[in-house]
């Protein structure tokens, strides 16, 4: 069975972006040490256009072959004219408002997101599934999340978009690994306790 991993960036106070979902304040922590970690450990989480700009086009997928993201996360790429932000992966966008995909490589999941993700997890072979965000999609899929990789940035938003939509019950995860970087970023990997 393939795992669903929520690989997410957040502030010290648990927000994945400001109240509008803008996470650009976290981008300033992309120094050489941290970028090398992402490129070697989680290369597929770097968007295709970002990989190209950094000269990392040839990176091989190590952990993921599929990405699931919400409409708001996908909208960030669309605003830049990018219709397939993770062209190196199978791309799914959860959206009730986007009726047709602007790209043949991107499949829209309009209903039964949980059922579709369960079917993806049950596929034989392949790598795991990268849950890119956002808050509502992560909340809807919380019971399906097998692993959290939380990149905590040394900033405080004070208010903003939480990692998970509100109204969720308590779920327990075990801390597997912690990695600290010179720029103040802390990456925690946690596995779902079942």
N, C-alpha and C. Protein backbone atom coordinates (compact mmCIF):
# COMPACT_ATOMS: atom_id res chain seq x y z
N UNK A 1 0.85 -1.18 0.00
CA UNK A 1 0.00 0.00 0.00
C UNK A 1 0.89 1.24 0.00
N UNK A 2 0.55 2.18 -0.88
CA UNK A 2 1.30 3.42 -0.96
C UNK A 2 0.89 4.36 0.18
N UNK A 3 1.83 5.19 0.62
CA UNK A 3 1.57 6.13 1.70
C UNK A 3 1.15 7.49 1.14
N UNK A 4 0.33 8.19 1.91
CA UNK A 4 0.01 9.58 1.64
C UNK A 4 0.80 10.41 2.63
N UNK A 5 1.68 11.28 2.12
CA UNK A 5 2.53 12.12 2.95
C UNK A 5 2.16 13.58 2.77
N UNK A 6 1.79 14.23 3.86
CA UNK A 6 1.53 15.66 3.84
C UNK A 6 2.86 16.35 4.09
N UNK A 7 3.46 16.86 3.04
CA UNK A 7 4.75 17.55 3.07
C UNK A 7 4.42 19.03 3.04
N UNK A 8 4.58 19.69 4.18
CA UNK A 8 4.02 21.03 4.33
C UNK A 8 4.99 21.99 5.02
N UNK A 9 4.96 23.23 4.56
CA UNK A 9 5.73 24.30 5.19
C UNK A 9 4.80 25.07 6.11
N UNK A 10 5.31 25.44 7.29
CA UNK A 10 4.47 26.22 8.20
C UNK A 10 5.33 27.15 9.06
N UNK A 11 4.66 28.13 9.61
CA UNK A 11 5.31 29.05 10.54
C UNK A 11 5.43 28.39 11.92
N UNK A 12 6.12 29.05 12.83
CA UNK A 12 6.24 28.51 14.19
C UNK A 12 4.88 28.38 14.87
N UNK A 13 3.93 29.23 14.47
CA UNK A 13 2.61 29.17 15.08
C UNK A 13 1.62 28.33 14.26
N UNK A 14 2.13 27.50 13.35
CA UNK A 14 1.31 26.50 12.69
C UNK A 14 0.51 26.95 11.48
N UNK A 15 0.88 28.07 10.88
CA UNK A 15 0.16 28.55 9.70
C UNK A 15 0.96 28.23 8.43
N UNK A 16 0.25 27.81 7.37
CA UNK A 16 0.90 27.49 6.10
C UNK A 16 0.95 28.70 5.19
N UNK A 17 0.44 29.80 5.64
CA UNK A 17 0.45 31.05 4.91
C UNK A 17 -0.35 32.09 5.67
N UNK A 18 -0.35 33.30 5.17
CA UNK A 18 -1.13 34.34 5.82
C UNK A 18 -2.62 34.06 5.61
N UNK A 19 -3.48 34.99 6.00
CA UNK A 19 -4.93 34.75 5.91
C UNK A 19 -5.41 34.55 4.47
N UNK A 20 -4.60 34.94 3.49
CA UNK A 20 -4.94 34.73 2.08
C UNK A 20 -4.21 33.51 1.50
N UNK A 21 -3.44 32.80 2.33
CA UNK A 21 -2.70 31.63 1.88
C UNK A 21 -1.33 31.93 1.31
N UNK A 22 -0.92 33.19 1.34
CA UNK A 22 0.38 33.59 0.81
C UNK A 22 1.49 33.13 1.76
N UNK A 23 2.38 32.27 1.25
CA UNK A 23 3.47 31.73 2.06
C UNK A 23 4.82 32.27 1.62
N UNK A 24 4.82 33.34 0.84
CA UNK A 24 6.07 33.84 0.27
C UNK A 24 7.08 34.29 1.32
N UNK A 25 6.63 34.64 2.53
CA UNK A 25 7.55 35.04 3.59
C UNK A 25 8.51 33.90 3.96
N UNK A 26 8.12 32.67 3.67
CA UNK A 26 8.96 31.52 4.01
C UNK A 26 10.05 31.28 2.96
N UNK A 27 9.89 31.83 1.77
CA UNK A 27 10.85 31.58 0.68
C UNK A 27 12.25 32.10 0.99
N UNK A 28 12.37 33.09 1.85
CA UNK A 28 13.69 33.67 2.10
C UNK A 28 14.63 32.72 2.84
N UNK A 29 14.11 31.59 3.30
CA UNK A 29 14.94 30.62 4.03
C UNK A 29 15.57 29.58 3.10
N UNK A 30 15.44 29.74 1.81
CA UNK A 30 16.00 28.80 0.83
C UNK A 30 17.49 29.05 0.61
N UNK A 31 18.29 28.68 1.59
CA UNK A 31 19.73 28.82 1.41
C UNK A 31 20.30 27.53 0.81
N UNK A 32 21.61 27.51 0.58
CA UNK A 32 22.25 26.38 -0.11
C UNK A 32 22.08 25.06 0.65
N UNK A 33 22.28 25.08 1.97
CA UNK A 33 22.18 23.86 2.77
C UNK A 33 20.77 23.28 2.70
N UNK A 34 19.78 24.14 2.87
CA UNK A 34 18.39 23.69 2.89
C UNK A 34 17.93 23.22 1.50
N UNK A 35 18.29 23.96 0.48
CA UNK A 35 17.93 23.58 -0.88
C UNK A 35 18.57 22.25 -1.27
N UNK A 36 19.81 22.02 -0.83
CA UNK A 36 20.48 20.74 -1.09
C UNK A 36 19.72 19.59 -0.43
N UNK A 37 19.23 19.81 0.79
CA UNK A 37 18.42 18.81 1.48
C UNK A 37 17.16 18.48 0.68
N UNK A 38 16.45 19.51 0.23
CA UNK A 38 15.23 19.28 -0.54
C UNK A 38 15.54 18.56 -1.85
N UNK A 39 16.59 18.99 -2.53
CA UNK A 39 16.94 18.40 -3.82
C UNK A 39 17.40 16.94 -3.71
N UNK A 40 18.01 16.58 -2.59
CA UNK A 40 18.49 15.20 -2.44
C UNK A 40 17.49 14.29 -1.75
N UNK A 41 16.71 14.81 -0.81
CA UNK A 41 15.78 13.98 -0.04
C UNK A 41 14.35 14.00 -0.58
N UNK A 42 13.91 15.14 -1.10
CA UNK A 42 12.53 15.30 -1.57
C UNK A 42 12.51 16.04 -2.91
N UNK A 43 13.24 15.56 -3.91
CA UNK A 43 13.36 16.32 -5.16
C UNK A 43 12.03 16.54 -5.88
N UNK A 44 11.12 15.60 -5.74
CA UNK A 44 9.85 15.73 -6.46
C UNK A 44 8.92 16.79 -5.88
N UNK A 45 9.23 17.28 -4.68
CA UNK A 45 8.40 18.33 -4.09
C UNK A 45 8.75 19.72 -4.63
N UNK A 46 9.83 19.81 -5.37
CA UNK A 46 10.19 21.06 -6.02
C UNK A 46 9.41 21.14 -7.33
N UNK A 47 8.67 22.22 -7.51
CA UNK A 47 7.86 22.39 -8.71
C UNK A 47 8.74 22.33 -9.96
N UNK A 48 8.17 21.87 -11.04
CA UNK A 48 8.91 21.68 -12.29
C UNK A 48 9.58 22.96 -12.75
N UNK A 49 8.86 24.08 -12.71
CA UNK A 49 9.47 25.35 -13.15
C UNK A 49 10.57 25.80 -12.20
N UNK A 50 10.46 25.48 -10.91
CA UNK A 50 11.51 25.79 -9.94
C UNK A 50 12.75 24.93 -10.17
N UNK A 51 12.54 23.66 -10.46
CA UNK A 51 13.66 22.76 -10.76
C UNK A 51 14.42 23.28 -11.97
N UNK A 52 13.67 23.69 -12.98
CA UNK A 52 14.29 24.20 -14.22
C UNK A 52 15.11 25.45 -13.92
N UNK A 53 14.54 26.37 -13.16
CA UNK A 53 15.22 27.64 -12.85
C UNK A 53 16.50 27.41 -12.04
N UNK A 54 16.50 26.36 -11.21
CA UNK A 54 17.67 26.05 -10.38
C UNK A 54 18.66 25.12 -11.07
N UNK A 55 18.37 24.74 -12.30
CA UNK A 55 19.24 23.82 -13.03
C UNK A 55 19.17 22.40 -12.51
N UNK A 56 18.02 22.01 -11.95
CA UNK A 56 17.84 20.69 -11.36
C UNK A 56 16.88 19.82 -12.15
N UNK A 57 16.78 20.07 -13.45
CA UNK A 57 15.84 19.33 -14.31
C UNK A 57 16.01 17.82 -14.25
N UNK A 58 17.21 17.34 -14.11
CA UNK A 58 17.48 15.91 -14.18
C UNK A 58 17.24 15.14 -12.91
N UNK A 59 16.68 15.76 -11.88
CA UNK A 59 16.47 15.05 -10.61
C UNK A 59 15.50 13.89 -10.79
N UNK A 60 15.84 12.78 -10.20
CA UNK A 60 15.00 11.59 -10.26
C UNK A 60 14.03 11.60 -9.08
N UNK A 61 12.79 11.17 -9.32
CA UNK A 61 11.82 11.06 -8.23
C UNK A 61 12.27 9.94 -7.29
N UNK A 62 12.37 10.25 -6.01
CA UNK A 62 12.84 9.27 -5.03
C UNK A 62 11.71 8.70 -4.19
N UNK A 63 10.79 9.58 -3.77
CA UNK A 63 9.76 9.15 -2.82
C UNK A 63 8.34 9.17 -3.38
N UNK A 64 8.08 10.10 -4.30
CA UNK A 64 6.71 10.31 -4.78
C UNK A 64 6.63 10.21 -6.30
N UNK A 65 5.49 9.68 -6.79
CA UNK A 65 5.22 9.71 -8.22
C UNK A 65 3.87 10.38 -8.51
N UNK A 66 3.19 10.83 -7.45
CA UNK A 66 1.86 11.41 -7.56
C UNK A 66 1.75 12.58 -6.60
N UNK A 67 1.05 13.63 -7.03
CA UNK A 67 0.78 14.77 -6.15
C UNK A 67 -0.72 15.06 -6.14
N UNK A 68 -1.23 15.37 -4.96
CA UNK A 68 -2.61 15.80 -4.78
C UNK A 68 -2.54 17.18 -4.13
N UNK A 69 -3.25 18.12 -4.72
CA UNK A 69 -3.28 19.45 -4.13
C UNK A 69 -4.67 20.04 -4.26
N UNK A 70 -4.93 21.05 -3.45
CA UNK A 70 -6.21 21.74 -3.50
C UNK A 70 -6.23 22.81 -4.57
N UNK A 71 -7.41 23.31 -4.80
CA UNK A 71 -7.60 24.34 -5.84
C UNK A 71 -6.79 25.60 -5.51
N UNK A 72 -6.79 26.04 -4.26
CA UNK A 72 -6.07 27.26 -3.89
C UNK A 72 -4.57 27.12 -4.14
N UNK A 73 -4.01 25.95 -3.80
CA UNK A 73 -2.58 25.72 -4.06
C UNK A 73 -2.30 25.72 -5.56
N UNK A 74 -3.17 25.08 -6.31
CA UNK A 74 -3.02 25.01 -7.75
C UNK A 74 -3.18 26.40 -8.38
N UNK A 75 -4.03 27.19 -7.82
CA UNK A 75 -4.29 28.54 -8.33
C UNK A 75 -3.02 29.41 -8.33
N UNK A 76 -2.13 29.19 -7.37
CA UNK A 76 -0.88 29.94 -7.33
C UNK A 76 -0.08 29.74 -8.61
N UNK A 77 -0.03 28.52 -9.11
CA UNK A 77 0.66 28.24 -10.37
C UNK A 77 -0.10 28.82 -11.55
N UNK A 78 -1.42 28.67 -11.55
CA UNK A 78 -2.23 29.17 -12.66
C UNK A 78 -2.06 30.68 -12.83
N UNK A 79 -1.94 31.39 -11.72
CA UNK A 79 -1.74 32.85 -11.79
C UNK A 79 -0.45 33.22 -12.53
N UNK A 80 0.51 32.29 -12.50
CA UNK A 80 1.78 32.52 -13.19
C UNK A 80 1.79 31.93 -14.60
N UNK A 81 0.63 31.42 -15.03
CA UNK A 81 0.53 30.83 -16.36
C UNK A 81 1.03 29.40 -16.43
N UNK A 82 1.20 28.76 -15.27
CA UNK A 82 1.71 27.39 -15.21
C UNK A 82 0.52 26.45 -14.97
N UNK A 83 0.21 25.62 -15.95
CA UNK A 83 -0.94 24.73 -15.83
C UNK A 83 -0.59 23.35 -15.30
N UNK A 84 0.70 23.01 -15.29
CA UNK A 84 1.16 21.71 -14.78
C UNK A 84 2.38 21.95 -13.90
N UNK A 85 2.17 22.39 -12.65
CA UNK A 85 3.30 22.75 -11.79
C UNK A 85 4.20 21.57 -11.38
N UNK A 86 3.66 20.37 -11.41
CA UNK A 86 4.44 19.18 -11.06
C UNK A 86 4.40 18.19 -12.23
N UNK A 87 4.87 18.63 -13.38
CA UNK A 87 4.81 17.82 -14.61
C UNK A 87 5.60 16.53 -14.49
N UNK A 88 6.51 16.45 -13.53
CA UNK A 88 7.32 15.25 -13.31
C UNK A 88 6.58 14.21 -12.45
N UNK A 89 5.32 14.52 -12.06
CA UNK A 89 4.49 13.63 -11.26
C UNK A 89 3.12 13.46 -11.91
N UNK A 90 2.35 12.47 -11.48
CA UNK A 90 0.93 12.41 -11.83
C UNK A 90 0.26 13.47 -10.98
N UNK A 91 -0.50 14.34 -11.60
CA UNK A 91 -1.07 15.49 -10.88
C UNK A 91 -2.59 15.40 -10.75
N UNK A 92 -3.04 15.61 -9.49
CA UNK A 92 -4.47 15.66 -9.19
C UNK A 92 -4.76 16.95 -8.44
N UNK A 93 -5.86 17.60 -8.79
CA UNK A 93 -6.28 18.81 -8.10
C UNK A 93 -7.69 18.58 -7.58
N UNK A 94 -7.88 18.74 -6.28
CA UNK A 94 -9.20 18.61 -5.67
C UNK A 94 -9.92 19.95 -5.79
N UNK A 95 -11.01 19.95 -6.52
CA UNK A 95 -11.75 21.21 -6.72
C UNK A 95 -13.20 20.92 -7.09
N UNK A 96 -14.10 21.61 -6.43
CA UNK A 96 -15.52 21.53 -6.80
C UNK A 96 -15.88 22.65 -7.76
N UNK A 97 -15.03 23.67 -7.84
CA UNK A 97 -15.34 24.82 -8.70
C UNK A 97 -14.66 24.76 -10.06
N UNK A 98 -13.54 24.08 -10.16
CA UNK A 98 -12.83 23.95 -11.43
C UNK A 98 -13.42 22.73 -12.15
N UNK A 99 -14.20 22.98 -13.18
CA UNK A 99 -14.93 21.88 -13.82
C UNK A 99 -14.12 21.14 -14.87
N UNK A 100 -13.24 21.85 -15.57
CA UNK A 100 -12.38 21.20 -16.55
C UNK A 100 -10.93 21.57 -16.26
N UNK A 101 -10.05 20.65 -16.56
CA UNK A 101 -8.63 20.88 -16.32
C UNK A 101 -8.05 21.76 -17.43
N UNK A 102 -7.24 22.75 -17.06
CA UNK A 102 -6.58 23.57 -18.07
C UNK A 102 -5.38 22.88 -18.70
N UNK A 103 -5.07 21.65 -18.25
CA UNK A 103 -3.92 20.92 -18.75
C UNK A 103 -4.27 19.43 -18.83
N UNK A 104 -3.94 18.76 -19.93
CA UNK A 104 -4.26 17.33 -20.04
C UNK A 104 -3.51 16.45 -19.04
N UNK A 105 -2.45 16.98 -18.45
CA UNK A 105 -1.65 16.22 -17.49
C UNK A 105 -2.23 16.30 -16.07
N UNK A 106 -3.18 17.21 -15.86
CA UNK A 106 -3.76 17.45 -14.53
C UNK A 106 -5.19 16.94 -14.49
N UNK A 107 -5.46 16.03 -13.55
CA UNK A 107 -6.81 15.49 -13.40
C UNK A 107 -7.51 16.20 -12.24
N UNK A 108 -8.74 16.63 -12.49
CA UNK A 108 -9.54 17.29 -11.45
C UNK A 108 -10.33 16.22 -10.70
N UNK A 109 -10.30 16.29 -9.37
CA UNK A 109 -11.12 15.43 -8.53
C UNK A 109 -12.23 16.33 -7.98
N UNK A 110 -13.43 16.19 -8.54
CA UNK A 110 -14.54 17.07 -8.19
C UNK A 110 -15.35 16.56 -7.00
N UNK A 111 -15.37 15.26 -6.81
CA UNK A 111 -16.12 14.70 -5.68
C UNK A 111 -15.46 13.42 -5.20
N UNK A 112 -15.82 12.99 -4.01
CA UNK A 112 -15.27 11.80 -3.37
C UNK A 112 -13.74 11.79 -3.37
N UNK A 113 -13.17 12.87 -2.84
CA UNK A 113 -11.72 12.98 -2.73
C UNK A 113 -11.14 11.83 -1.92
N UNK A 114 -11.77 11.50 -0.80
CA UNK A 114 -11.27 10.42 0.06
C UNK A 114 -11.24 9.10 -0.71
N UNK A 115 -12.31 8.80 -1.44
CA UNK A 115 -12.37 7.57 -2.22
C UNK A 115 -11.29 7.52 -3.29
N UNK A 116 -11.06 8.65 -3.95
CA UNK A 116 -10.05 8.69 -5.01
C UNK A 116 -8.65 8.49 -4.43
N UNK A 117 -8.38 9.11 -3.28
CA UNK A 117 -7.07 8.95 -2.64
C UNK A 117 -6.88 7.52 -2.14
N UNK A 118 -7.94 6.93 -1.62
CA UNK A 118 -7.85 5.52 -1.20
C UNK A 118 -7.51 4.62 -2.38
N UNK A 119 -8.11 4.90 -3.53
CA UNK A 119 -7.81 4.12 -4.74
C UNK A 119 -6.36 4.31 -5.17
N UNK A 120 -5.86 5.55 -5.09
CA UNK A 120 -4.45 5.81 -5.43
C UNK A 120 -3.52 5.07 -4.47
N UNK A 121 -3.86 5.08 -3.18
CA UNK A 121 -3.02 4.40 -2.19
C UNK A 121 -3.01 2.89 -2.41
N UNK A 122 -4.10 2.34 -2.93
CA UNK A 122 -4.23 0.90 -3.12
C UNK A 122 -3.55 0.40 -4.40
N UNK A 123 -3.11 1.30 -5.25
CA UNK A 123 -2.44 0.89 -6.49
C UNK A 123 -1.18 0.09 -6.18
N UNK A 124 -0.94 -0.92 -6.99
CA UNK A 124 0.26 -1.75 -6.82
C UNK A 124 1.48 -1.02 -7.39
N UNK A 125 2.62 -1.22 -6.75
CA UNK A 125 3.86 -0.64 -7.24
C UNK A 125 3.86 0.86 -7.13
N UNK A 126 4.83 1.47 -7.73
CA UNK A 126 4.92 2.92 -7.71
C UNK A 126 5.47 3.45 -6.40
N UNK A 127 5.62 4.76 -6.39
CA UNK A 127 6.11 5.45 -5.20
C UNK A 127 4.93 5.99 -4.41
N UNK A 128 5.20 6.73 -3.36
CA UNK A 128 4.15 7.26 -2.51
C UNK A 128 3.49 8.50 -3.11
N UNK A 129 2.53 9.05 -2.37
CA UNK A 129 1.72 10.18 -2.82
C UNK A 129 2.04 11.40 -1.98
N UNK A 130 2.32 12.49 -2.65
CA UNK A 130 2.66 13.77 -2.02
C UNK A 130 1.39 14.62 -1.92
N UNK A 131 0.97 14.92 -0.70
CA UNK A 131 -0.13 15.84 -0.47
C UNK A 131 0.48 17.22 -0.32
N UNK A 132 0.23 18.06 -1.29
CA UNK A 132 0.85 19.38 -1.38
C UNK A 132 0.08 20.43 -0.55
N UNK A 133 -1.18 20.27 -0.37
CA UNK A 133 -1.98 21.25 0.37
C UNK A 133 -3.24 21.50 -0.39
N UNK A 134 -4.03 22.29 0.17
CA UNK A 134 -3.89 23.16 1.31
C UNK A 134 -4.69 22.69 2.51
N UNK A 135 -5.09 23.65 3.30
CA UNK A 135 -5.69 23.43 4.59
C UNK A 135 -6.97 22.59 4.53
N UNK A 136 -7.87 22.94 3.64
CA UNK A 136 -9.14 22.21 3.56
C UNK A 136 -8.94 20.78 3.04
N UNK A 137 -8.10 20.63 2.03
CA UNK A 137 -7.83 19.29 1.48
C UNK A 137 -7.16 18.43 2.54
N UNK A 138 -6.19 19.00 3.25
CA UNK A 138 -5.50 18.24 4.31
C UNK A 138 -6.48 17.86 5.40
N UNK A 139 -7.40 18.75 5.74
CA UNK A 139 -8.42 18.43 6.74
C UNK A 139 -9.32 17.31 6.29
N UNK A 140 -9.74 17.35 5.02
CA UNK A 140 -10.62 16.32 4.49
C UNK A 140 -9.91 14.96 4.42
N UNK A 141 -8.60 14.99 4.20
CA UNK A 141 -7.83 13.75 4.05
C UNK A 141 -7.09 13.32 5.31
N UNK A 142 -7.33 13.99 6.42
CA UNK A 142 -6.56 13.71 7.64
C UNK A 142 -6.53 12.22 8.00
N UNK A 143 -7.64 11.53 7.89
CA UNK A 143 -7.66 10.11 8.24
C UNK A 143 -6.87 9.24 7.27
N UNK A 144 -6.57 9.77 6.09
CA UNK A 144 -5.80 9.03 5.08
C UNK A 144 -4.30 9.33 5.14
N UNK A 145 -3.91 10.36 5.88
CA UNK A 145 -2.50 10.77 5.95
C UNK A 145 -1.72 9.77 6.79
N UNK A 146 -0.68 9.20 6.18
CA UNK A 146 0.16 8.22 6.86
C UNK A 146 1.42 8.84 7.46
N UNK A 147 1.84 9.96 6.88
CA UNK A 147 3.10 10.58 7.30
C UNK A 147 2.98 12.09 7.17
N UNK A 148 3.56 12.80 8.12
CA UNK A 148 3.69 14.25 8.06
C UNK A 148 5.16 14.60 7.96
N UNK A 149 5.50 15.46 7.02
CA UNK A 149 6.83 16.04 6.96
C UNK A 149 6.58 17.54 7.08
N UNK A 150 6.87 18.08 8.27
CA UNK A 150 6.54 19.47 8.59
C UNK A 150 7.81 20.29 8.59
N UNK A 151 7.87 21.24 7.65
CA UNK A 151 9.02 22.15 7.56
C UNK A 151 8.63 23.42 8.31
N UNK A 152 9.13 23.57 9.54
CA UNK A 152 8.79 24.74 10.36
C UNK A 152 9.82 25.85 10.13
N UNK A 153 9.32 27.00 9.71
CA UNK A 153 10.17 28.14 9.43
C UNK A 153 10.17 29.09 10.62
N UNK A 154 11.30 29.73 10.94
CA UNK A 154 11.40 30.57 12.14
C UNK A 154 10.74 31.94 11.96
N UNK A 155 9.45 31.91 11.66
CA UNK A 155 8.66 33.14 11.58
C UNK A 155 7.32 32.89 12.25
N UNK A 156 6.66 33.97 12.65
CA UNK A 156 5.32 33.90 13.25
C UNK A 156 4.40 34.78 12.42
N UNK A 157 3.31 34.20 11.96
CA UNK A 157 2.31 34.97 11.21
C UNK A 157 1.32 35.66 12.14
N UNK A 158 1.01 35.01 13.27
CA UNK A 158 0.03 35.58 14.19
C UNK A 158 -1.39 35.21 13.82
N UNK A 159 -1.67 35.15 12.54
CA UNK A 159 -2.96 34.72 12.02
C UNK A 159 -2.72 34.23 10.61
N UNK A 160 -3.60 33.37 10.15
CA UNK A 160 -3.40 32.88 8.80
C UNK A 160 -4.14 31.58 8.53
N UNK A 161 -3.66 30.85 7.53
CA UNK A 161 -4.26 29.59 7.13
C UNK A 161 -3.59 28.46 7.91
N UNK A 162 -4.37 27.70 8.70
CA UNK A 162 -3.78 26.62 9.49
C UNK A 162 -3.38 25.43 8.62
N UNK A 163 -2.56 24.54 9.17
CA UNK A 163 -2.14 23.34 8.44
C UNK A 163 -3.34 22.47 8.08
N UNK A 164 -4.33 22.42 8.95
CA UNK A 164 -5.55 21.63 8.73
C UNK A 164 -6.76 22.52 8.99
N UNK A 165 -7.82 22.29 8.22
CA UNK A 165 -9.06 23.02 8.45
C UNK A 165 -9.56 22.73 9.87
N UNK A 166 -10.29 23.67 10.42
CA UNK A 166 -10.79 23.57 11.80
C UNK A 166 -11.84 22.46 11.94
N UNK A 167 -12.09 22.08 13.19
CA UNK A 167 -13.15 21.14 13.50
C UNK A 167 -12.75 19.68 13.41
N UNK A 168 -11.47 19.38 13.48
CA UNK A 168 -11.00 18.00 13.37
C UNK A 168 -10.83 17.38 14.74
N UNK A 169 -11.01 16.08 14.82
CA UNK A 169 -10.75 15.37 16.06
C UNK A 169 -9.26 15.16 16.26
N UNK A 170 -8.88 14.73 17.43
CA UNK A 170 -7.48 14.49 17.76
C UNK A 170 -6.96 13.26 17.03
N UNK A 171 -5.80 13.41 16.42
CA UNK A 171 -5.12 12.30 15.74
C UNK A 171 -3.70 12.26 16.28
N UNK A 172 -3.16 11.07 16.47
CA UNK A 172 -1.83 10.95 17.06
C UNK A 172 -0.82 10.45 16.04
N UNK A 173 0.35 11.10 16.06
CA UNK A 173 1.47 10.73 15.20
C UNK A 173 2.69 10.53 16.09
N UNK A 174 3.61 9.67 15.64
CA UNK A 174 4.86 9.43 16.35
C UNK A 174 5.98 10.19 15.65
N UNK A 175 6.81 10.86 16.43
CA UNK A 175 7.95 11.58 15.87
C UNK A 175 9.04 10.60 15.48
N UNK A 176 9.42 10.63 14.19
CA UNK A 176 10.44 9.71 13.67
C UNK A 176 11.81 10.37 13.55
N UNK A 177 11.81 11.61 13.12
CA UNK A 177 13.09 12.26 12.82
C UNK A 177 12.93 13.78 12.92
N UNK A 178 14.01 14.42 13.36
CA UNK A 178 14.07 15.89 13.39
C UNK A 178 15.38 16.31 12.77
N UNK A 179 15.30 17.27 11.87
CA UNK A 179 16.51 17.80 11.23
C UNK A 179 16.49 19.31 11.37
N UNK A 180 17.58 19.87 11.87
CA UNK A 180 17.69 21.31 12.10
C UNK A 180 18.73 21.89 11.14
N UNK A 181 18.39 23.03 10.54
CA UNK A 181 19.26 23.68 9.57
C UNK A 181 19.79 24.99 10.13
N UNK A 182 20.93 25.42 9.60
CA UNK A 182 21.57 26.65 10.05
C UNK A 182 20.71 27.89 9.85
N UNK A 183 19.76 27.85 8.92
CA UNK A 183 18.89 29.00 8.68
C UNK A 183 17.71 29.06 9.65
N UNK A 184 17.64 28.10 10.58
CA UNK A 184 16.56 28.08 11.58
C UNK A 184 15.40 27.18 11.22
N UNK A 185 15.38 26.61 10.02
CA UNK A 185 14.31 25.70 9.62
C UNK A 185 14.47 24.38 10.36
N UNK A 186 13.36 23.83 10.84
CA UNK A 186 13.34 22.53 11.49
C UNK A 186 12.38 21.64 10.69
N UNK A 187 12.85 20.47 10.27
CA UNK A 187 12.01 19.53 9.54
C UNK A 187 11.75 18.33 10.43
N UNK A 188 10.47 18.11 10.72
CA UNK A 188 10.04 16.98 11.55
C UNK A 188 9.29 15.98 10.68
N UNK A 189 9.63 14.71 10.85
CA UNK A 189 8.93 13.65 10.15
C UNK A 189 8.19 12.82 11.19
N UNK A 190 6.89 12.65 10.98
CA UNK A 190 6.04 11.93 11.92
C UNK A 190 5.22 10.89 11.18
N UNK A 191 5.02 9.73 11.82
CA UNK A 191 4.23 8.65 11.23
C UNK A 191 2.94 8.50 12.02
N UNK A 192 1.85 8.26 11.30
CA UNK A 192 0.54 8.06 11.92
C UNK A 192 0.57 6.85 12.83
N UNK A 193 0.07 7.02 14.06
CA UNK A 193 -0.11 5.89 14.96
C UNK A 193 -1.47 5.27 14.62
N UNK A 194 -1.48 4.02 14.26
CA UNK A 194 -2.73 3.35 13.86
C UNK A 194 -3.15 2.37 14.93
